[in-house]
Amino acid sequence: MVVAAVGRDVIRLLESIRPELQCEDPAHTARIISPASRTQDPLGLIHPVGALQRQDLIQALQVLEHRNFIAQVFRRSADRFANSEARIHQFHRASADSFVLYGTLIIDGTNQLVDYCVQSGKRLDCSRRIMRAAIASICVDAIH
């Protein structure tokens, strides 16, 4: 049972996530990365192909962990993100005196799993359970 595996707080968080929105809270940070084909910004200015995606990615990498993993996924999946936005979700527990990272999930604009990364260390089993629950909750192609 998922609730017993990860806890009610995590289940509540996962039920409240809207994959298409950016957020930053103590348990979840999400960033949306434009498709490479997008050339017009919200102000109507025209940019070269790929420029808005690079700008979004640079801004996301400033607030997210697993930067090397995220960069590698974008290099490997350039074709996939040419016409589809990327959605990066990071799960963690943050308080005034600590920060515990569980993992990072990257999906495309249709909520299909692209790749994920689980934080290693002494909380590996907990991180795996949380990331497995996140994939099942967010991704349309997840095995439940």
Protein backbone atom coordinates (compact mmCIF):
# COMPACT_ATOMS: atom_id res chain seq x y z
CA MET A 1 0.00 0.00 0.00
CA VAL A 2 1.40 3.40 -1.02
CA VAL A 3 0.29 5.27 2.14
CA ALA A 4 2.13 2.87 4.42
CA ALA A 5 5.21 3.01 2.22
CA VAL A 6 5.67 6.80 2.13
CA GLY A 7 3.37 8.37 4.71
CA ARG A 8 0.25 10.48 4.60
CA ASP A 9 2.08 13.81 4.28
CA VAL A 10 3.78 12.66 1.08
CA ILE A 11 0.50 11.30 -0.30
CA ARG A 12 -1.22 14.65 0.39
CA LEU A 13 1.62 16.45 -1.37
CA LEU A 14 1.47 14.17 -4.40
CA GLU A 15 -2.31 14.54 -4.66
CA SER A 16 -1.98 18.34 -4.66
CA ILE A 17 0.68 18.55 -7.38
CA ARG A 18 -0.35 20.10 -10.68
CA PRO A 19 2.46 19.08 -13.07
CA GLU A 20 1.84 21.99 -15.42
CA LEU A 21 2.60 24.64 -12.75
CA GLN A 22 5.86 25.89 -11.29
CA CYS A 23 6.14 25.94 -7.51
CA GLU A 24 8.59 26.25 -4.68
CA ASP A 25 7.58 25.01 -1.26
CA PRO A 26 9.25 23.14 1.62
CA ALA A 27 8.57 19.70 0.10
CA HIS A 28 8.45 20.23 -3.67
CA THR A 29 10.08 22.50 -6.24
CA ALA A 30 8.90 22.44 -9.86
CA ARG A 31 10.20 24.28 -12.90
CA ILE A 32 8.80 24.40 -16.43
CA ILE A 33 11.31 24.56 -19.29
CA SER A 34 10.11 25.90 -22.64
CA PRO A 35 10.36 23.76 -25.76
CA ALA A 36 13.33 24.66 -27.98
CA SER A 37 10.90 25.63 -30.77
CA ARG A 38 9.31 28.39 -28.68
CA THR A 39 10.57 31.74 -29.91
CA GLN A 40 8.14 34.30 -28.46
CA ASP A 41 8.30 35.32 -24.81
CA PRO A 42 5.32 36.52 -22.70
CA LEU A 43 6.06 40.14 -23.68
CA GLY A 44 5.83 39.28 -27.38
CA LEU A 45 9.55 39.59 -28.07
CA ILE A 46 10.99 37.17 -30.63
CA HIS A 47 14.10 35.16 -29.72
CA PRO A 48 16.26 32.67 -31.65
CA VAL A 49 15.21 29.01 -31.58
CA GLY A 50 16.40 27.43 -28.33
CA ALA A 51 17.17 30.70 -26.54
CA LEU A 52 14.10 30.66 -24.29
CA GLN A 53 14.71 27.01 -23.41
CA ARG A 54 18.33 27.78 -22.44
CA GLN A 55 17.18 30.77 -20.37
CA ASP A 56 14.57 28.67 -18.53
CA LEU A 57 17.09 25.89 -17.93
CA ILE A 58 19.72 28.28 -16.54
CA GLN A 59 17.15 29.77 -14.14
CA ALA A 60 15.97 26.31 -13.06
CA LEU A 61 19.50 25.07 -12.39
CA GLN A 62 20.01 27.97 -9.98
CA VAL A 63 17.33 26.61 -7.61
CA LEU A 64 17.46 22.86 -8.24
CA GLU A 65 19.89 20.17 -7.10
CA HIS A 66 21.11 17.30 -9.34
CA ARG A 67 22.32 19.87 -11.89
CA ASN A 68 24.57 17.44 -13.78
CA PHE A 69 21.76 14.89 -14.06
CA ILE A 70 19.34 17.53 -15.39
CA ALA A 71 21.88 18.81 -17.94
CA GLN A 72 22.63 15.25 -19.13
CA VAL A 73 18.92 14.49 -19.57
CA PHE A 74 18.48 17.63 -21.68
CA ARG A 75 21.45 16.74 -23.88
CA ARG A 76 20.19 13.17 -24.32
CA SER A 77 16.58 14.23 -24.91
CA ALA A 78 17.09 17.27 -27.14
CA ASP A 79 14.77 15.84 -29.82
CA ARG A 80 12.04 15.18 -27.28
CA PHE A 81 12.21 18.72 -25.90
CA ALA A 82 12.35 20.39 -29.32
CA ASN A 83 8.55 20.72 -29.40
CA SER A 84 7.55 19.72 -25.87
CA GLU A 85 8.13 21.57 -22.66
CA ALA A 86 10.01 19.83 -19.87
CA ARG A 87 8.74 19.71 -16.31
CA ILE A 88 11.29 19.20 -13.57
CA HIS A 89 10.03 18.18 -10.13
CA GLN A 90 12.29 17.93 -7.13
CA PHE A 91 11.14 16.39 -3.86
CA HIS A 92 12.74 17.30 -0.57
CA ARG A 93 12.15 18.19 3.04
CA ALA A 94 13.31 21.64 4.05
CA SER A 95 13.27 23.33 7.41
CA ALA A 96 15.12 26.24 8.98
CA ASP A 97 18.07 24.05 9.94
CA SER A 98 18.08 21.18 7.43
CA PHE A 99 17.49 20.18 3.83
CA VAL A 100 16.91 16.55 2.83
CA LEU A 101 16.76 15.83 -0.90
CA TYR A 102 14.85 12.73 -2.06
CA GLY A 103 15.11 12.98 -5.83
CA THR A 104 14.40 14.68 -9.14
CA LEU A 105 11.79 13.73 -11.73
CA ILE A 106 11.79 14.99 -15.34
CA ILE A 107 8.67 14.62 -17.47
CA ASP A 108 7.61 16.00 -20.83
CA GLY A 109 4.65 18.23 -21.63
CA THR A 110 2.28 15.24 -21.75
CA ASN A 111 3.39 14.02 -18.29
CA GLN A 112 5.33 11.07 -19.67
CA LEU A 113 8.40 10.07 -17.71
CA VAL A 114 11.69 11.09 -19.31
CA ASP A 115 14.06 10.20 -16.45
CA TYR A 116 14.47 10.41 -12.70
CA CYS A 117 17.24 10.48 -10.14
CA VAL A 118 17.13 9.22 -6.55
CA GLN A 119 19.37 10.83 -3.96
CA SER A 120 21.80 8.31 -2.53
CA GLY A 121 22.91 8.15 1.07
CA LYS A 122 21.56 6.93 4.37
CA ARG A 123 17.95 7.71 3.35
CA LEU A 124 18.12 5.77 0.08
CA ASP A 125 15.20 3.42 0.85
CA CYS A 126 12.97 6.33 1.85
CA SER A 127 14.04 8.31 -1.24
CA ARG A 128 13.23 5.36 -3.51
CA ARG A 129 9.75 4.96 -2.01
CA ILE A 130 9.00 8.66 -2.37
CA MET A 131 10.23 8.81 -5.97
CA ARG A 132 8.31 5.65 -6.89
CA ALA A 133 5.13 7.20 -5.44
CA ALA A 134 5.82 10.49 -7.28
CA ILE A 135 6.23 8.70 -10.61
CA ALA A 136 3.02 6.74 -10.05
CA SER A 137 1.15 9.92 -9.12
CA ILE A 138 2.42 12.33 -11.78
CA CYS A 139 3.32 10.30 -14.87
CA VAL A 140 0.63 9.12 -17.28
CA ASP A 141 2.67 6.13 -18.40
CA ALA A 142 3.59 4.96 -14.90
CA ILE A 143 2.98 1.42 -13.78
CA HIS A 144 0.72 1.49 -10.73
